[in-house]
Amino acid sequence: MDEPVALQVHGMQRVTHLSYVAQITFVAGMGVVTSLLGLIM
């Protein structure tokens, strides 16, 4: 009975970690795009 709960918690941590990484990647990507647009203009 304890194992599914542990797996659920682990899955939640993984999802949180992935969304955190995705946010950082998105912000970094936006910064790169903005600087590139600034160079072009």
PDB file of N, CA and C in Angstrom:
ATOM      1  N   MET A   1       0.831  -1.209   0.000  1.00  0.00           N
ATOM      2  CA  MET A   1       0.000   0.000   0.000  1.00  0.00           C
ATOM      3  C   MET A   1       0.872   1.267   0.000  1.00  0.00           C
ATOM      4  N   ASP A   2       2.066   1.168   0.566  1.00  0.00           N
ATOM      5  CA  ASP A   2       2.932   2.348   0.658  1.00  0.00           C
ATOM      6  C   ASP A   2       3.632   2.663  -0.669  1.00  0.00           C
ATOM      7  N   GLU A   3       3.887   1.618  -1.462  1.00  0.00           N
ATOM      8  CA  GLU A   3       4.689   1.819  -2.667  1.00  0.00           C
ATOM      9  C   GLU A   3       4.047   2.771  -3.689  1.00  0.00           C
ATOM     10  N   PRO A   4       2.760   2.596  -4.031  1.00  0.00           N
ATOM     11  CA  PRO A   4       2.144   3.514  -5.000  1.00  0.00           C
ATOM     12  C   PRO A   4       2.235   4.972  -4.560  1.00  0.00           C
ATOM     13  N   VAL A   5       2.086   5.204  -3.262  1.00  0.00           N
ATOM     14  CA  VAL A   5       2.174   6.578  -2.754  1.00  0.00           C
ATOM     15  C   VAL A   5       3.571   7.133  -2.990  1.00  0.00           C
ATOM     16  N   ALA A   6       4.590   6.313  -2.711  1.00  0.00           N
ATOM     17  CA  ALA A   6       5.975   6.747  -2.918  1.00  0.00           C
ATOM     18  C   ALA A   6       6.212   7.048  -4.398  1.00  0.00           C
ATOM     19  N   LEU A   7       5.688   6.188  -5.270  1.00  0.00           N
ATOM     20  CA  LEU A   7       5.845   6.410  -6.708  1.00  0.00           C
ATOM     21  C   LEU A   7       5.144   7.695  -7.123  1.00  0.00           C
ATOM     22  N   GLN A   8       3.962   7.936  -6.546  1.00  0.00           N
ATOM     23  CA  GLN A   8       3.204   9.141  -6.869  1.00  0.00           C
ATOM     24  C   GLN A   8       3.991  10.388  -6.481  1.00  0.00           C
ATOM     25  N   VAL A   9       4.556  10.363  -5.273  1.00  0.00           N
ATOM     26  CA  VAL A   9       5.338  11.509  -4.799  1.00  0.00           C
ATOM     27  C   VAL A   9       6.549  11.712  -5.702  1.00  0.00           C
ATOM     28  N   HIS A  10       7.213  10.616  -6.068  1.00  0.00           N
ATOM     29  CA  HIS A  10       8.384  10.702  -6.935  1.00  0.00           C
ATOM     30  C   HIS A  10       7.994  11.294  -8.287  1.00  0.00           C
ATOM     31  N   GLY A  11       6.857  10.847  -8.827  1.00  0.00           N
ATOM     32  CA  GLY A  11       6.375  11.371 -10.108  1.00  0.00           C
ATOM     33  C   GLY A  11       6.092  12.864 -10.014  1.00  0.00           C
ATOM     34  N   MET A  12       5.487  13.284  -8.910  1.00  0.00           N
ATOM     35  CA  MET A  12       5.190  14.702  -8.721  1.00  0.00           C
ATOM     36  C   MET A  12       6.476  15.517  -8.687  1.00  0.00           C
ATOM     37  N   GLN A  13       7.492  14.996  -7.976  1.00  0.00           N
ATOM     38  CA  GLN A  13       8.775  15.702  -7.901  1.00  0.00           C
ATOM     39  C   GLN A  13       9.384  15.824  -9.291  1.00  0.00           C
ATOM     40  N   ARG A  14       9.280  14.744 -10.085  1.00  0.00           N
ATOM     41  CA  ARG A  14       9.856  14.760 -11.426  1.00  0.00           C
ATOM     42  C   ARG A  14       9.151  15.799 -12.289  1.00  0.00           C
ATOM     43  N   VAL A  15       7.807  15.841 -12.205  1.00  0.00           N
ATOM     44  CA  VAL A  15       7.034  16.814 -12.989  1.00  0.00           C
ATOM     45  C   VAL A  15       7.413  18.235 -12.585  1.00  0.00           C
ATOM     46  N   THR A  16       7.549  18.463 -11.280  1.00  0.00           N
ATOM     47  CA  THR A  16       7.929  19.792 -10.793  1.00  0.00           C
ATOM     48  C   THR A  16       9.306  20.163 -11.322  1.00  0.00           C
ATOM     49  N   HIS A  17      10.241  19.211 -11.298  1.00  0.00           N
ATOM     50  CA  HIS A  17      11.593  19.448 -11.786  1.00  0.00           C
ATOM     51  C   HIS A  17      11.562  19.774 -13.277  1.00  0.00           C
ATOM     52  N   LEU A  18      10.772  19.011 -14.049  1.00  0.00           N
ATOM     53  CA  LEU A  18      10.688  19.232 -15.493  1.00  0.00           C
ATOM     54  C   LEU A  18      10.113  20.610 -15.795  1.00  0.00           C
ATOM     55  N   SER A  19       9.066  21.006 -15.082  1.00  0.00           N
ATOM     56  CA  SER A  19       8.452  22.312 -15.333  1.00  0.00           C
ATOM     57  C   SER A  19       9.436  23.427 -14.963  1.00  0.00           C
ATOM     58  N   TYR A  20      10.237  23.193 -13.916  1.00  0.00           N
ATOM     59  CA  TYR A  20      11.249  24.164 -13.493  1.00  0.00           C
ATOM     60  C   TYR A  20      12.294  24.335 -14.597  1.00  0.00           C
ATOM     61  N   VAL A  21      12.770  23.204 -15.139  1.00  0.00           N
ATOM     62  CA  VAL A  21      13.752  23.239 -16.230  1.00  0.00           C
ATOM     63  C   VAL A  21      13.144  23.908 -17.459  1.00  0.00           C
ATOM     64  N   ALA A  22      11.879  23.589 -17.746  1.00  0.00           N
ATOM     65  CA  ALA A  22      11.205  24.168 -18.910  1.00  0.00           C
ATOM     66  C   ALA A  22      11.108  25.684 -18.765  1.00  0.00           C
ATOM     67  N   GLN A  23      10.810  26.160 -17.565  1.00  0.00           N
ATOM     68  CA  GLN A  23      10.718  27.604 -17.332  1.00  0.00           C
ATOM     69  C   GLN A  23      12.062  28.275 -17.596  1.00  0.00           C
ATOM     70  N   ILE A  24      13.142  27.691 -17.059  1.00  0.00           N
ATOM     71  CA  ILE A  24      14.482  28.261 -17.245  1.00  0.00           C
ATOM     72  C   ILE A  24      14.832  28.289 -18.733  1.00  0.00           C
ATOM     73  N   THR A  25      14.555  27.160 -19.429  1.00  0.00           N
ATOM     74  CA  THR A  25      14.841  27.080 -20.860  1.00  0.00           C
ATOM     75  C   THR A  25      14.055  28.134 -21.623  1.00  0.00           C
ATOM     76  N   PHE A  26      12.776  28.305 -21.264  1.00  0.00           N
ATOM     77  CA  PHE A  26      11.917  29.279 -21.937  1.00  0.00           C
ATOM     78  C   PHE A  26      12.444  30.695 -21.744  1.00  0.00           C
ATOM     79  N   VAL A  27      12.793  31.030 -20.497  1.00  0.00           N
ATOM     80  CA  VAL A  27      13.308  32.371 -20.197  1.00  0.00           C
ATOM     81  C   VAL A  27      14.611  32.613 -20.954  1.00  0.00           C
ATOM     82  N   ALA A  28      15.499  31.616 -20.947  1.00  0.00           N
ATOM     83  CA  ALA A  28      16.778  31.753 -21.649  1.00  0.00           C
ATOM     84  C   ALA A  28      16.532  31.916 -23.143  1.00  0.00           C
ATOM     85  N   GLY A  29      15.615  31.119 -23.686  1.00  0.00           N
ATOM     86  CA  GLY A  29      15.289  31.200 -25.115  1.00  0.00           C
ATOM     87  C   GLY A  29      14.733  32.575 -25.466  1.00  0.00           C
ATOM     88  N   MET A  30      13.862  33.099 -24.619  1.00  0.00           N
ATOM     89  CA  MET A  30      13.296  34.424 -24.867  1.00  0.00           C
ATOM     90  C   MET A  30      14.396  35.479 -24.859  1.00  0.00           C
ATOM     91  N   GLY A  31      15.346  35.349 -23.940  1.00  0.00           N
ATOM     92  CA  GLY A  31      16.450  36.301 -23.872  1.00  0.00           C
ATOM     93  C   GLY A  31      17.277  36.269 -25.149  1.00  0.00           C
ATOM     94  N   VAL A  32      17.554  35.065 -25.644  1.00  0.00           N
ATOM     95  CA  VAL A  32      18.338  34.918 -26.877  1.00  0.00           C
ATOM     96  C   VAL A  32      17.584  35.527 -28.052  1.00  0.00           C
ATOM     97  N   VAL A  33      16.292  35.207 -28.161  1.00  0.00           N
ATOM     98  CA  VAL A  33      15.478  35.739 -29.267  1.00  0.00           C
ATOM     99  C   VAL A  33      15.437  37.259 -29.212  1.00  0.00           C
ATOM    100  N   THR A  34      15.260  37.808 -28.015  1.00  0.00           N
ATOM    101  CA  THR A  34      15.186  39.264 -27.858  1.00  0.00           C
ATOM    102  C   THR A  34      16.498  39.920 -28.280  1.00  0.00           C
ATOM    103  N   SER A  35      17.621  39.354 -27.864  1.00  0.00           N
ATOM    104  CA  SER A  35      18.918  39.937 -28.211  1.00  0.00           C
ATOM    105  C   SER A  35      19.175  39.813 -29.712  1.00  0.00           C
ATOM    106  N   LEU A  36      18.751  38.692 -30.307  1.00  0.00           N
ATOM    107  CA  LEU A  36      18.919  38.521 -31.753  1.00  0.00           C
ATOM    108  C   LEU A  36      18.081  39.548 -32.501  1.00  0.00           C
ATOM    109  N   LEU A  37      16.840  39.752 -32.072  1.00  0.00           N
ATOM    110  CA  LEU A  37      15.976  40.750 -32.708  1.00  0.00           C
ATOM    111  C   LEU A  37      16.591  42.134 -32.560  1.00  0.00           C
ATOM    112  N   GLY A  38      17.178  42.408 -31.406  1.00  0.00           N
ATOM    113  CA  GLY A  38      17.824  43.693 -31.172  1.00  0.00           C
ATOM    114  C   GLY A  38      18.990  43.897 -32.136  1.00  0.00           C
ATOM    115  N   LEU A  39      19.748  42.841 -32.398  1.00  0.00           N
ATOM    116  CA  LEU A  39      20.874  42.934 -33.326  1.00  0.00           C
ATOM    117  C   LEU A  39      20.380  43.181 -34.747  1.00  0.00           C
ATOM    118  N   ILE A  40      19.328  42.461 -35.148  1.00  0.00           N
ATOM    119  CA  ILE A  40      18.798  42.598 -36.507  1.00  0.00           C
ATOM    120  C   ILE A  40      18.242  44.003 -36.720  1.00  0.00           C
ATOM    121  N   MET A  41      17.523  44.516 -35.721  1.00  0.00           N
ATOM    122  CA  MET A  41      16.913  45.830 -35.856  1.00  0.00           C
ATOM    123  C   MET A  41      17.963  46.902 -35.564  1.00  0.00           C
TER     124      MET A  41
END
